Every structure is written in structure tokens, then in C-alpha cells.
Amino acid sequence: MTKPREYVKHLKDGYRANKKTFIFYSVLRVLVLLTLVRCIMLHNYQSAMLCVLSLLLFLVPSFIEDTFKISIPPVFQMIIFGFIFAAEILGEIDHFYVRIHGWDTMLHTMNGFLCAAVGFSLVYLLNRDSKNVNLTPFYLTLVAFCFSMTIGVLWEFFEFTMDQFFFLDMQKDFIVQEFGSVTLDPANMGTPIDVAGITDTIIHTSSGKTYTVDGGYLDIGIIDTMKDLLVNLLGAVVFSIIGYSTLKFGRSSQVADNLVIKPKEQ
């Protein structure tokens, strides 16, 4: 296992080779540490644990490079660091998910794009090192696309599990003014009943509490899930097109060069 001091050495090497990446990493790390101190002072220990998790996730690219002897492009590393900071610190701790409209959508789109890049790189490396298998550009791109969508689906499974057992509302609720449901069919014949023009919903609990949803009916997660998968697909398609064009037509792409993982030079 890679020791902590080896991580430090790796980061120093990264500083010499990629100064901008190291500076970006250092700034984000300082911001996370300041957020950690703030959370501890406010006795918000759950958010403090998210800060610790973020610091650990910052080490993942270095660990992967050292373990598998690969080279992650500097731009890709910067995007990973920024994604972690945007999702964990800004999104969860500073509540950007609810304060800024489209924050979650932006991150899921980026996730689809990045996961397609990771899937593309993995299959590309295996295909490159294999003497018996020569995969076509279309197959490589298809696997990258499927890899990205699989990660997106697994994440939605994770969000659903957290919501069901810990009521975290990771699959954010949407307020709708119309829906169709066979449950409301009085004849129980499976006929969908259209409920339209909903202005508010009143919820009564067995404990006697009452909640009012102004503006419509509360959808508990399905719209958010489908939206996340749709933008994940969009991001995966965009990178798949870039990856396919690079392999099929030999077109040099700065985007692909900055995102495709390569074997570490000896």
C-alpha cells in the first residue's frame, strides 16, 4: 500500500511538472480545511465528516496513478478536484443543491462526461496492451458509453437506498400540478385517473402533525432521478462522439488528450 509520505512525494513531483494543477489542488485543500474548522466550531460534525471525506478523495488520483502505473492528465485531475469540491463542499455543506437552481443537473452532466472518459480510457488501455484482441472504435466508444450510464444508474440506486433507510432526500422532491394514477381508479380496473390543476396538498400523519405543500403535489424523487439519468446520458454521448472521432478518423482532439488516461512513461 502506498504510504502517506509517498503521496507527498508524488504531489511534489506533480508540482514540478504541473504547477497549475498543484496550485489548484492546494487552494481547494485549504478551503476544505477552513470549512472543516468552521463545521467543528459550529458543532456540525456531519458536515465535518464530509470535509474529511473530501480530503481523502483528493488523494484518490495519486493513489490510482501509483498503484496502476498510469498517468492521469493534469486537466483531468483538476476537473476531478473541482467536481469533488463542488459536490461535497459547495453542494452538501453550503447547500448549493437547493440554493442554486441546476447545480445538481450540472454535476450529473459532468459526471456522465467524466465517467465516459474513464470507461473509454480503461478499455483503450486494455485494448492497446492486448496482442490477441483488437477492438473497433465503435465498440470502444460503446463500452465507454455503457460504463458511464452504469455508474449513473448505480449512483441513483445509492441515492434511493439512502432515502429509503435514512430519509436524506438525495433524490430531490419536485412539486407537480398534474399526474395520472391507476391507484385512484374506483373500479380498480387499471384505468389511469388524471388529476390536474392541483393547487396544494395537505398531509396528515398518525402522530397528529399536518404538513401543507403549496403549489401542487409532492413528487418524491422520480422526476429528479429521470432528469439525472437524462443529463448523464447527454454527457456520455458528448464524450463518446469525441472519443469515436479521435479513434475512427485520427482527429487530434485537445479534449480527448486532456481526459484520456495513459500508461505512465517509464
C-alpha atoms as a PDB file:
ATOM      1  CA  MET A   1       0.000   0.000   0.000  1.00  0.00           C
ATOM      2  CA  THR A   2       1.202   3.499  -0.819  1.00  0.00           C
ATOM      3  CA  LYS A   3       2.429   5.313   2.286  1.00  0.00           C
ATOM      4  CA  PRO A   4       1.415   8.906   3.133  1.00  0.00           C
ATOM      5  CA  ARG A   5       4.933  10.221   2.539  1.00  0.00           C
ATOM      6  CA  GLU A   6       4.849   8.657  -0.922  1.00  0.00           C
ATOM      7  CA  TYR A   7       1.717  10.705  -1.604  1.00  0.00           C
ATOM      8  CA  VAL A   8       3.596  13.826  -0.547  1.00  0.00           C
ATOM      9  CA  LYS A   9       6.467  12.911  -2.874  1.00  0.00           C
ATOM     10  CA  HIS A  10       4.007  12.348  -5.703  1.00  0.00           C
ATOM     11  CA  LEU A  11       2.414  15.741  -5.093  1.00  0.00           C
ATOM     12  CA  LYS A  12       5.821  17.405  -5.083  1.00  0.00           C
ATOM     13  CA  ASP A  13       6.592  15.741  -8.392  1.00  0.00           C
ATOM     14  CA  GLY A  14       3.255  16.991  -9.661  1.00  0.00           C
ATOM     15  CA  TYR A  15       4.185  20.497  -8.560  1.00  0.00           C
ATOM     16  CA  ARG A  16       7.355  20.421 -10.593  1.00  0.00           C
ATOM     17  CA  ALA A  17       5.638  19.008 -13.672  1.00  0.00           C
ATOM     18  CA  ASN A  18       2.202  20.650 -13.427  1.00  0.00           C
ATOM     19  CA  LYS A  19       2.327  23.796 -11.350  1.00  0.00           C
ATOM     20  CA  LYS A  20      -1.225  24.900 -12.160  1.00  0.00           C
ATOM     21  CA  THR A  21      -2.692  21.567 -11.090  1.00  0.00           C
ATOM     22  CA  PHE A  22      -0.812  21.596  -7.805  1.00  0.00           C
ATOM     23  CA  ILE A  23      -1.816  25.200  -7.052  1.00  0.00           C
ATOM     24  CA  PHE A  24      -5.452  24.406  -7.811  1.00  0.00           C
ATOM     25  CA  TYR A  25      -5.288  21.334  -5.573  1.00  0.00           C
ATOM     26  CA  SER A  26      -3.630  23.309  -2.772  1.00  0.00           C
ATOM     27  CA  VAL A  27      -6.215  26.106  -2.890  1.00  0.00           C
ATOM     28  CA  LEU A  28      -9.108  23.646  -2.734  1.00  0.00           C
ATOM     29  CA  ARG A  29      -7.447  21.748   0.107  1.00  0.00           C
ATOM     30  CA  VAL A  30      -7.039  24.962   2.125  1.00  0.00           C
ATOM     31  CA  LEU A  31     -10.698  25.846   1.504  1.00  0.00           C
ATOM     32  CA  VAL A  32     -11.774  22.404   2.677  1.00  0.00           C
ATOM     33  CA  LEU A  33      -9.641  22.707   5.813  1.00  0.00           C
ATOM     34  CA  LEU A  34     -11.161  26.107   6.584  1.00  0.00           C
ATOM     35  CA  THR A  35     -14.621  24.631   6.074  1.00  0.00           C
ATOM     36  CA  LEU A  36     -13.689  21.762   8.377  1.00  0.00           C
ATOM     37  CA  VAL A  37     -12.664  24.197  11.132  1.00  0.00           C
ATOM     38  CA  ARG A  38     -15.889  26.149  10.669  1.00  0.00           C
ATOM     39  CA  CYS A  39     -18.006  22.990  10.902  1.00  0.00           C
ATOM     40  CA  ILE A  40     -16.249  21.867  14.085  1.00  0.00           C
ATOM     41  CA  MET A  41     -16.722  25.294  15.686  1.00  0.00           C
ATOM     42  CA  LEU A  42     -20.431  25.132  14.827  1.00  0.00           C
ATOM     43  CA  HIS A  43     -20.601  21.545  16.160  1.00  0.00           C
ATOM     44  CA  ASN A  44     -21.771  20.385  12.739  1.00  0.00           C
ATOM     45  CA  TYR A  45     -19.942  17.093  12.852  1.00  0.00           C
ATOM     46  CA  GLN A  46     -21.788  15.508   9.932  1.00  0.00           C
ATOM     47  CA  SER A  47     -20.508  18.261   7.632  1.00  0.00           C
ATOM     48  CA  ALA A  48     -17.076  17.922   9.233  1.00  0.00           C
ATOM     49  CA  MET A  49     -17.026  14.283   8.186  1.00  0.00           C
ATOM     50  CA  LEU A  50     -17.849  15.339   4.627  1.00  0.00           C
ATOM     51  CA  CYS A  51     -14.797  17.611   4.741  1.00  0.00           C
ATOM     52  CA  VAL A  52     -12.611  14.704   5.863  1.00  0.00           C
ATOM     53  CA  LEU A  53     -14.110  12.548   3.105  1.00  0.00           C
ATOM     54  CA  SER A  54     -13.300  15.259   0.549  1.00  0.00           C
ATOM     55  CA  LEU A  55      -9.673  15.419   1.699  1.00  0.00           C
ATOM     56  CA  LEU A  56      -9.408  11.643   1.318  1.00  0.00           C
ATOM     57  CA  LEU A  57     -10.995  11.754  -2.124  1.00  0.00           C
ATOM     58  CA  PHE A  58      -8.405  14.335  -3.168  1.00  0.00           C
ATOM     59  CA  LEU A  59      -5.777  11.615  -2.708  1.00  0.00           C
ATOM     60  CA  VAL A  60      -7.535   9.105  -4.965  1.00  0.00           C
ATOM     61  CA  PRO A  61      -5.957  10.247  -8.281  1.00  0.00           C
ATOM     62  CA  SER A  62      -2.473   9.964  -6.763  1.00  0.00           C
ATOM     63  CA  PHE A  63      -3.275   6.536  -5.333  1.00  0.00           C
ATOM     64  CA  ILE A  64      -4.625   5.285  -8.671  1.00  0.00           C
ATOM     65  CA  GLU A  65      -1.620   6.578 -10.588  1.00  0.00           C
ATOM     66  CA  ASP A  66       0.888   4.967  -8.223  1.00  0.00           C
ATOM     67  CA  THR A  67      -0.997   1.691  -7.913  1.00  0.00           C
ATOM     68  CA  PHE A  68      -1.811   1.054 -11.566  1.00  0.00           C
ATOM     69  CA  LYS A  69       1.188   2.840 -13.109  1.00  0.00           C
ATOM     70  CA  ILE A  70      -0.911   5.146 -15.219  1.00  0.00           C
ATOM     71  CA  SER A  71      -0.854   8.866 -15.903  1.00  0.00           C
ATOM     72  CA  ILE A  72      -3.960  10.968 -15.343  1.00  0.00           C
ATOM     73  CA  PRO A  73      -3.773  14.168 -17.424  1.00  0.00           C
ATOM     74  CA  PRO A  74      -3.404  17.339 -15.325  1.00  0.00           C
ATOM     75  CA  VAL A  75      -6.618  18.852 -16.675  1.00  0.00           C
ATOM     76  CA  PHE A  76      -8.499  15.672 -15.774  1.00  0.00           C
ATOM     77  CA  GLN A  77      -7.109  15.834 -12.236  1.00  0.00           C
ATOM     78  CA  MET A  78      -8.198  19.463 -11.897  1.00  0.00           C
ATOM     79  CA  ILE A  79     -11.705  18.560 -13.047  1.00  0.00           C
ATOM     80  CA  ILE A  80     -11.834  15.711 -10.515  1.00  0.00           C
ATOM     81  CA  PHE A  81     -10.731  18.012  -7.670  1.00  0.00           C
ATOM     82  CA  GLY A  82     -13.240  20.651  -8.741  1.00  0.00           C
ATOM     83  CA  PHE A  83     -16.018  18.079  -9.022  1.00  0.00           C
ATOM     84  CA  ILE A  84     -15.373  16.778  -5.504  1.00  0.00           C
ATOM     85  CA  PHE A  85     -15.323  20.299  -4.082  1.00  0.00           C
ATOM     86  CA  ALA A  86     -18.467  21.324  -5.960  1.00  0.00           C
ATOM     87  CA  ALA A  87     -20.386  18.203  -4.923  1.00  0.00           C
ATOM     88  CA  GLU A  88     -19.330  17.743  -1.298  1.00  0.00           C
ATOM     89  CA  ILE A  89     -18.388  21.201  -0.007  1.00  0.00           C
ATOM     90  CA  LEU A  90     -20.494  23.574  -2.091  1.00  0.00           C
ATOM     91  CA  GLY A  91     -23.332  21.165  -2.818  1.00  0.00           C
ATOM     92  CA  GLU A  92     -23.817  19.429   0.519  1.00  0.00           C
ATOM     93  CA  ILE A  93     -22.301  21.706   3.168  1.00  0.00           C
ATOM     94  CA  ASP A  94     -23.092  25.103   1.616  1.00  0.00           C
ATOM     95  CA  HIS A  95     -26.438  23.801   0.256  1.00  0.00           C
ATOM     96  CA  PHE A  96     -25.867  24.784  -3.379  1.00  0.00           C
ATOM     97  CA  TYR A  97     -28.110  21.875  -4.386  1.00  0.00           C
ATOM     98  CA  VAL A  98     -31.147  23.739  -3.037  1.00  0.00           C
ATOM     99  CA  ARG A  99     -29.890  27.332  -3.256  1.00  0.00           C
ATOM    100  CA  ILE A 100     -28.749  27.316  -6.890  1.00  0.00           C
ATOM    101  CA  HIS A 101     -31.148  26.004  -9.494  1.00  0.00           C
ATOM    102  CA  GLY A 102     -29.486  23.494 -11.803  1.00  0.00           C
ATOM    103  CA  TRP A 103     -26.456  22.812  -9.603  1.00  0.00           C
ATOM    104  CA  ASP A 104     -27.310  19.110  -9.321  1.00  0.00           C
ATOM    105  CA  THR A 105     -28.076  18.926 -13.052  1.00  0.00           C
ATOM    106  CA  MET A 106     -24.714  20.468 -13.926  1.00  0.00           C
ATOM    107  CA  LEU A 107     -22.817  17.971 -11.773  1.00  0.00           C
ATOM    108  CA  HIS A 108     -24.699  14.974 -13.152  1.00  0.00           C
ATOM    109  CA  THR A 109     -23.974  16.126 -16.709  1.00  0.00           C
ATOM    110  CA  MET A 110     -20.303  16.477 -15.850  1.00  0.00           C
ATOM    111  CA  ASN A 111     -20.376  13.071 -14.171  1.00  0.00           C
ATOM    112  CA  GLY A 112     -21.693  11.438 -17.337  1.00  0.00           C
ATOM    113  CA  PHE A 113     -18.968  13.102 -19.396  1.00  0.00           C
ATOM    114  CA  LEU A 114     -16.157  12.168 -16.987  1.00  0.00           C
ATOM    115  CA  CYS A 115     -17.319   8.579 -16.451  1.00  0.00           C
ATOM    116  CA  ALA A 116     -17.424   8.081 -20.217  1.00  0.00           C
ATOM    117  CA  ALA A 117     -13.820   9.342 -20.326  1.00  0.00           C
ATOM    118  CA  VAL A 118     -12.827   6.892 -17.581  1.00  0.00           C
ATOM    119  CA  GLY A 119     -14.588   3.972 -19.285  1.00  0.00           C
ATOM    120  CA  PHE A 120     -13.034   4.895 -22.614  1.00  0.00           C
ATOM    121  CA  SER A 121      -9.568   5.051 -21.044  1.00  0.00           C
ATOM    122  CA  LEU A 122      -9.917   1.696 -19.294  1.00  0.00           C
ATOM    123  CA  VAL A 123     -10.965  -0.183 -22.424  1.00  0.00           C
ATOM    124  CA  TYR A 124      -8.464   1.729 -24.555  1.00  0.00           C
ATOM    125  CA  LEU A 125      -5.598   0.722 -22.255  1.00  0.00           C
ATOM    126  CA  LEU A 126      -6.680  -2.934 -22.209  1.00  0.00           C
ATOM    127  CA  ASN A 127      -7.111  -2.982 -25.981  1.00  0.00           C
ATOM    128  CA  ARG A 128      -3.757  -1.315 -26.511  1.00  0.00           C
ATOM    129  CA  ASP A 129      -1.865  -3.810 -24.353  1.00  0.00           C
ATOM    130  CA  SER A 130      -3.611  -6.893 -25.741  1.00  0.00           C
ATOM    131  CA  LYS A 131      -1.969  -8.845 -28.566  1.00  0.00           C
ATOM    132  CA  ASN A 132      -4.965 -11.073 -29.227  1.00  0.00           C
ATOM    133  CA  VAL A 133      -7.828  -8.575 -29.143  1.00  0.00           C
ATOM    134  CA  ASN A 134      -8.269  -5.562 -31.402  1.00  0.00           C
ATOM    135  CA  LEU A 135     -11.486  -3.731 -30.632  1.00  0.00           C
ATOM    136  CA  THR A 136     -13.060  -1.375 -33.152  1.00  0.00           C
ATOM    137  CA  PRO A 137     -13.505   2.344 -32.368  1.00  0.00           C
ATOM    138  CA  PHE A 138     -17.273   1.856 -32.266  1.00  0.00           C
ATOM    139  CA  TYR A 139     -17.002  -0.935 -29.684  1.00  0.00           C
ATOM    140  CA  LEU A 140     -14.596   1.083 -27.553  1.00  0.00           C
ATOM    141  CA  THR A 141     -16.968   4.028 -27.623  1.00  0.00           C
ATOM    142  CA  LEU A 142     -19.991   1.841 -26.885  1.00  0.00           C
ATOM    143  CA  VAL A 143     -18.308   0.338 -23.814  1.00  0.00           C
ATOM    144  CA  ALA A 144     -17.354   3.823 -22.601  1.00  0.00           C
ATOM    145  CA  PHE A 145     -20.952   4.972 -23.007  1.00  0.00           C
ATOM    146  CA  CYS A 146     -22.331   1.919 -21.191  1.00  0.00           C
ATOM    147  CA  PHE A 147     -19.765   2.332 -18.417  1.00  0.00           C
ATOM    148  CA  SER A 148     -20.874   5.915 -17.846  1.00  0.00           C
ATOM    149  CA  MET A 149     -24.563   5.007 -17.785  1.00  0.00           C
ATOM    150  CA  THR A 150     -23.909   2.105 -15.411  1.00  0.00           C
ATOM    151  CA  ILE A 151     -22.168   4.414 -12.958  1.00  0.00           C
ATOM    152  CA  GLY A 152     -25.082   6.828 -13.228  1.00  0.00           C
ATOM    153  CA  VAL A 153     -27.620   4.080 -12.508  1.00  0.00           C
ATOM    154  CA  LEU A 154     -25.611   2.734  -9.576  1.00  0.00           C
ATOM    155  CA  TRP A 155     -25.476   6.231  -8.098  1.00  0.00           C
ATOM    156  CA  GLU A 156     -29.252   6.542  -8.374  1.00  0.00           C
ATOM    157  CA  PHE A 157     -29.544   3.175  -6.590  1.00  0.00           C
ATOM    158  CA  PHE A 158     -27.350   4.608  -3.838  1.00  0.00           C
ATOM    159  CA  GLU A 159     -29.486   7.746  -3.551  1.00  0.00           C
ATOM    160  CA  PHE A 160     -32.660   5.645  -3.412  1.00  0.00           C
ATOM    161  CA  THR A 161     -31.176   3.448  -0.666  1.00  0.00           C
ATOM    162  CA  MET A 162     -30.162   6.465   1.415  1.00  0.00           C
ATOM    163  CA  ASP A 163     -33.642   7.963   1.028  1.00  0.00           C
ATOM    164  CA  GLN A 164     -35.417   4.750   1.966  1.00  0.00           C
ATOM    165  CA  PHE A 165     -33.365   3.937   5.062  1.00  0.00           C
ATOM    166  CA  PHE A 166     -32.119   7.325   6.276  1.00  0.00           C
ATOM    167  CA  PHE A 167     -34.670   9.754   4.735  1.00  0.00           C
ATOM    168  CA  LEU A 168     -31.930  12.034   3.361  1.00  0.00           C
ATOM    169  CA  ASP A 169     -33.942  13.178   0.314  1.00  0.00           C
ATOM    170  CA  MET A 170     -30.977  12.738  -2.010  1.00  0.00           C
ATOM    171  CA  GLN A 171     -33.493  12.192  -4.794  1.00  0.00           C
ATOM    172  CA  LYS A 172     -34.847  15.726  -4.526  1.00  0.00           C
ATOM    173  CA  ASP A 173     -38.607  16.273  -4.488  1.00  0.00           C
ATOM    174  CA  PHE A 174     -40.454  18.177  -7.208  1.00  0.00           C
ATOM    175  CA  ILE A 175     -43.817  19.922  -6.936  1.00  0.00           C
ATOM    176  CA  VAL A 176     -46.171  18.992  -9.786  1.00  0.00           C
ATOM    177  CA  GLN A 177     -49.635  20.270 -10.659  1.00  0.00           C
ATOM    178  CA  GLU A 178     -50.826  17.195 -12.542  1.00  0.00           C
ATOM    179  CA  PHE A 179     -50.345  13.446 -12.512  1.00  0.00           C
ATOM    180  CA  GLY A 180     -52.082  10.256 -13.586  1.00  0.00           C
ATOM    181  CA  SER A 181     -52.580   7.262 -11.279  1.00  0.00           C
ATOM    182  CA  VAL A 182     -54.353   3.906 -11.552  1.00  0.00           C
ATOM    183  CA  THR A 183     -54.439   3.769  -7.742  1.00  0.00           C
ATOM    184  CA  LEU A 184     -57.272   6.339  -7.775  1.00  0.00           C
ATOM    185  CA  ASP A 185     -59.430   4.267 -10.164  1.00  0.00           C
ATOM    186  CA  PRO A 186     -62.576   3.456  -8.112  1.00  0.00           C
ATOM    187  CA  ALA A 187     -63.353   0.444 -10.314  1.00  0.00           C
ATOM    188  CA  ASN A 188     -59.862  -0.954  -9.773  1.00  0.00           C
ATOM    189  CA  MET A 189     -59.607  -1.695 -13.499  1.00  0.00           C
ATOM    190  CA  GLY A 190     -56.170  -0.181 -14.053  1.00  0.00           C
ATOM    191  CA  THR A 191     -57.540   2.950 -15.676  1.00  0.00           C
ATOM    192  CA  PRO A 192     -55.265   5.951 -15.055  1.00  0.00           C
ATOM    193  CA  ILE A 193     -57.100   8.823 -13.410  1.00  0.00           C
ATOM    194  CA  ASP A 194     -55.859  12.252 -14.469  1.00  0.00           C
ATOM    195  CA  VAL A 195     -55.586  14.649 -11.536  1.00  0.00           C
ATOM    196  CA  ALA A 196     -54.985  18.152 -12.871  1.00  0.00           C
ATOM    197  CA  GLY A 197     -54.890  21.703 -11.567  1.00  0.00           C
ATOM    198  CA  ILE A 198     -53.515  20.799  -8.141  1.00  0.00           C
ATOM    199  CA  THR A 199     -53.077  23.928  -6.014  1.00  0.00           C
ATOM    200  CA  ASP A 200     -51.903  22.426  -2.724  1.00  0.00           C
ATOM    201  CA  THR A 201     -51.599  19.156  -0.826  1.00  0.00           C
ATOM    202  CA  ILE A 202     -52.327  18.574   2.848  1.00  0.00           C
ATOM    203  CA  ILE A 203     -50.515  15.709   4.570  1.00  0.00           C
ATOM    204  CA  HIS A 204     -51.793  14.221   7.844  1.00  0.00           C
ATOM    205  CA  THR A 205     -49.586  11.883   9.907  1.00  0.00           C
ATOM    206  CA  SER A 206     -50.525   9.308  12.528  1.00  0.00           C
ATOM    207  CA  SER A 207     -48.774  11.437  15.160  1.00  0.00           C
ATOM    208  CA  GLY A 208     -51.196  14.267  14.515  1.00  0.00           C
ATOM    209  CA  LYS A 209     -48.840  16.527  12.556  1.00  0.00           C
ATOM    210  CA  THR A 210     -50.055  18.303   9.443  1.00  0.00           C
ATOM    211  CA  TYR A 211     -47.934  19.488   6.513  1.00  0.00           C
ATOM    212  CA  THR A 212     -49.077  21.660   3.622  1.00  0.00           C
ATOM    213  CA  VAL A 213     -47.404  21.529   0.203  1.00  0.00           C
ATOM    214  CA  ASP A 214     -48.136  24.832  -1.501  1.00  0.00           C
ATOM    215  CA  GLY A 215     -48.347  24.937  -5.262  1.00  0.00           C
ATOM    216  CA  GLY A 216     -49.203  21.336  -6.054  1.00  0.00           C
ATOM    217  CA  TYR A 217     -48.489  17.711  -5.249  1.00  0.00           C
ATOM    218  CA  LEU A 218     -45.152  16.442  -3.928  1.00  0.00           C
ATOM    219  CA  ASP A 219     -43.344  14.087  -6.298  1.00  0.00           C
ATOM    220  CA  ILE A 220     -40.836  12.097  -4.219  1.00  0.00           C
ATOM    221  CA  GLY A 221     -37.836  11.568  -6.430  1.00  0.00           C
ATOM    222  CA  ILE A 222     -38.843  10.013  -9.751  1.00  0.00           C
ATOM    223  CA  ILE A 223     -38.581  13.252 -11.754  1.00  0.00           C
ATOM    224  CA  ASP A 224     -35.193  14.022 -10.213  1.00  0.00           C
ATOM    225  CA  THR A 225     -33.945  10.501 -10.954  1.00  0.00           C
ATOM    226  CA  MET A 226     -35.016  10.576 -14.594  1.00  0.00           C
ATOM    227  CA  LYS A 227     -33.589  14.072 -15.046  1.00  0.00           C
ATOM    228  CA  ASP A 228     -30.250  12.965 -13.594  1.00  0.00           C
ATOM    229  CA  LEU A 229     -30.093   9.923 -15.862  1.00  0.00           C
ATOM    230  CA  LEU A 230     -31.030  12.028 -18.888  1.00  0.00           C
ATOM    231  CA  VAL A 231     -28.258  14.590 -18.349  1.00  0.00           C
ATOM    232  CA  ASN A 232     -25.848  11.745 -17.527  1.00  0.00           C
ATOM    233  CA  LEU A 233     -26.719  10.284 -20.913  1.00  0.00           C
ATOM    234  CA  LEU A 234     -26.139  13.670 -22.543  1.00  0.00           C
ATOM    235  CA  GLY A 235     -22.663  13.962 -21.033  1.00  0.00           C
ATOM    236  CA  ALA A 236     -21.816  10.377 -22.010  1.00  0.00           C
ATOM    237  CA  VAL A 237     -22.964  10.943 -25.598  1.00  0.00           C
ATOM    238  CA  VAL A 238     -20.858  14.105 -25.944  1.00  0.00           C
ATOM    239  CA  PHE A 239     -17.646  12.377 -24.876  1.00  0.00           C
ATOM    240  CA  SER A 240     -18.494   9.245 -26.873  1.00  0.00           C
ATOM    241  CA  ILE A 241     -18.696  11.350 -30.032  1.00  0.00           C
ATOM    242  CA  ILE A 242     -15.343  12.967 -29.234  1.00  0.00           C
ATOM    243  CA  GLY A 243     -13.711   9.606 -28.452  1.00  0.00           C
ATOM    244  CA  TYR A 244     -15.100   7.914 -31.552  1.00  0.00           C
ATOM    245  CA  SER A 245     -13.981  10.745 -33.839  1.00  0.00           C
ATOM    246  CA  THR A 246     -10.496  10.629 -32.345  1.00  0.00           C
ATOM    247  CA  LEU A 247     -10.102   6.887 -32.962  1.00  0.00           C
ATOM    248  CA  LYS A 248     -12.041   6.482 -36.185  1.00  0.00           C
ATOM    249  CA  PHE A 249     -10.788   9.447 -38.144  1.00  0.00           C
ATOM    250  CA  GLY A 250      -7.487  10.061 -36.374  1.00  0.00           C
ATOM    251  CA  ARG A 251      -8.535  13.594 -35.489  1.00  0.00           C
ATOM    252  CA  SER A 252      -6.446  15.153 -32.793  1.00  0.00           C
ATOM    253  CA  SER A 253      -8.717  16.400 -30.032  1.00  0.00           C
ATOM    254  CA  GLN A 254      -7.458  18.569 -27.209  1.00  0.00           C
ATOM    255  CA  VAL A 255     -10.435  17.453 -25.122  1.00  0.00           C
ATOM    256  CA  ALA A 256      -9.580  13.768 -25.588  1.00  0.00           C
ATOM    257  CA  ASP A 257      -5.869  14.377 -24.959  1.00  0.00           C
ATOM    258  CA  ASN A 258      -6.670  16.096 -21.662  1.00  0.00           C
ATOM    259  CA  LEU A 259      -9.113  13.439 -20.468  1.00  0.00           C
ATOM    260  CA  VAL A 260      -7.834  10.071 -21.711  1.00  0.00           C
ATOM    261  CA  ILE A 261      -5.710   8.207 -19.140  1.00  0.00           C
ATOM    262  CA  LYS A 262      -2.443   6.865 -20.496  1.00  0.00           C
ATOM    263  CA  PRO A 263       0.230   4.398 -19.327  1.00  0.00           C
ATOM    264  CA  LYS A 264       2.883   6.044 -17.180  1.00  0.00           C
ATOM    265  CA  GLU A 265       6.083   6.674 -19.060  1.00  0.00           C
ATOM    266  CA  GLN A 266       8.988   4.615 -17.747  1.00  0.00           C
END
